Amino acid sequence: HQLEQDSQDLMTWFKGNGGIAGHVHLQFFSGWDKQQGDLGSGLKDMVRGLGAREDMDKGELVLKVPRKLLIVPSKPVDSMQDNAILLALAVAAEIKKDSSSTWNRYLALLPSEKQLQ
């Protein structure tokens, strides 16, 4: 299955760059209710995210992302809206770099414009 291969590829990239991941993998959550912010039974939208492969203990590490893997605006500003715009520009700049981007493996898994409609 493509999602399982994508999950393995992403985790290999993530761990190879110093990330630590517990028992998690990429998965689709069906029926995501964007209005309620929870899983609903009647909707057909599919949302990708990290899911636990097995039960986890309280306090168990889920994910530890090293600073070098954070995509952050080059110059934070006071406004959350301005920061969101700067972050979007930083992501767009990395997408434009294609395979030369440090985050290429991650960015390749983001939903396409068509998938978001």
Foldseek 3Di string as FASTA:
>chain_A
DVQQVLFVLVVVLQVVVPKDADQKTKDKQAQQDPVVRGRDDPHGQIDIDIDGPDDDDVPDDGIDGDPVPDQFQPDDDDDPVVRVVSSVVSLVVQVVVAPVHSCNSVNVPDDDPVSVD
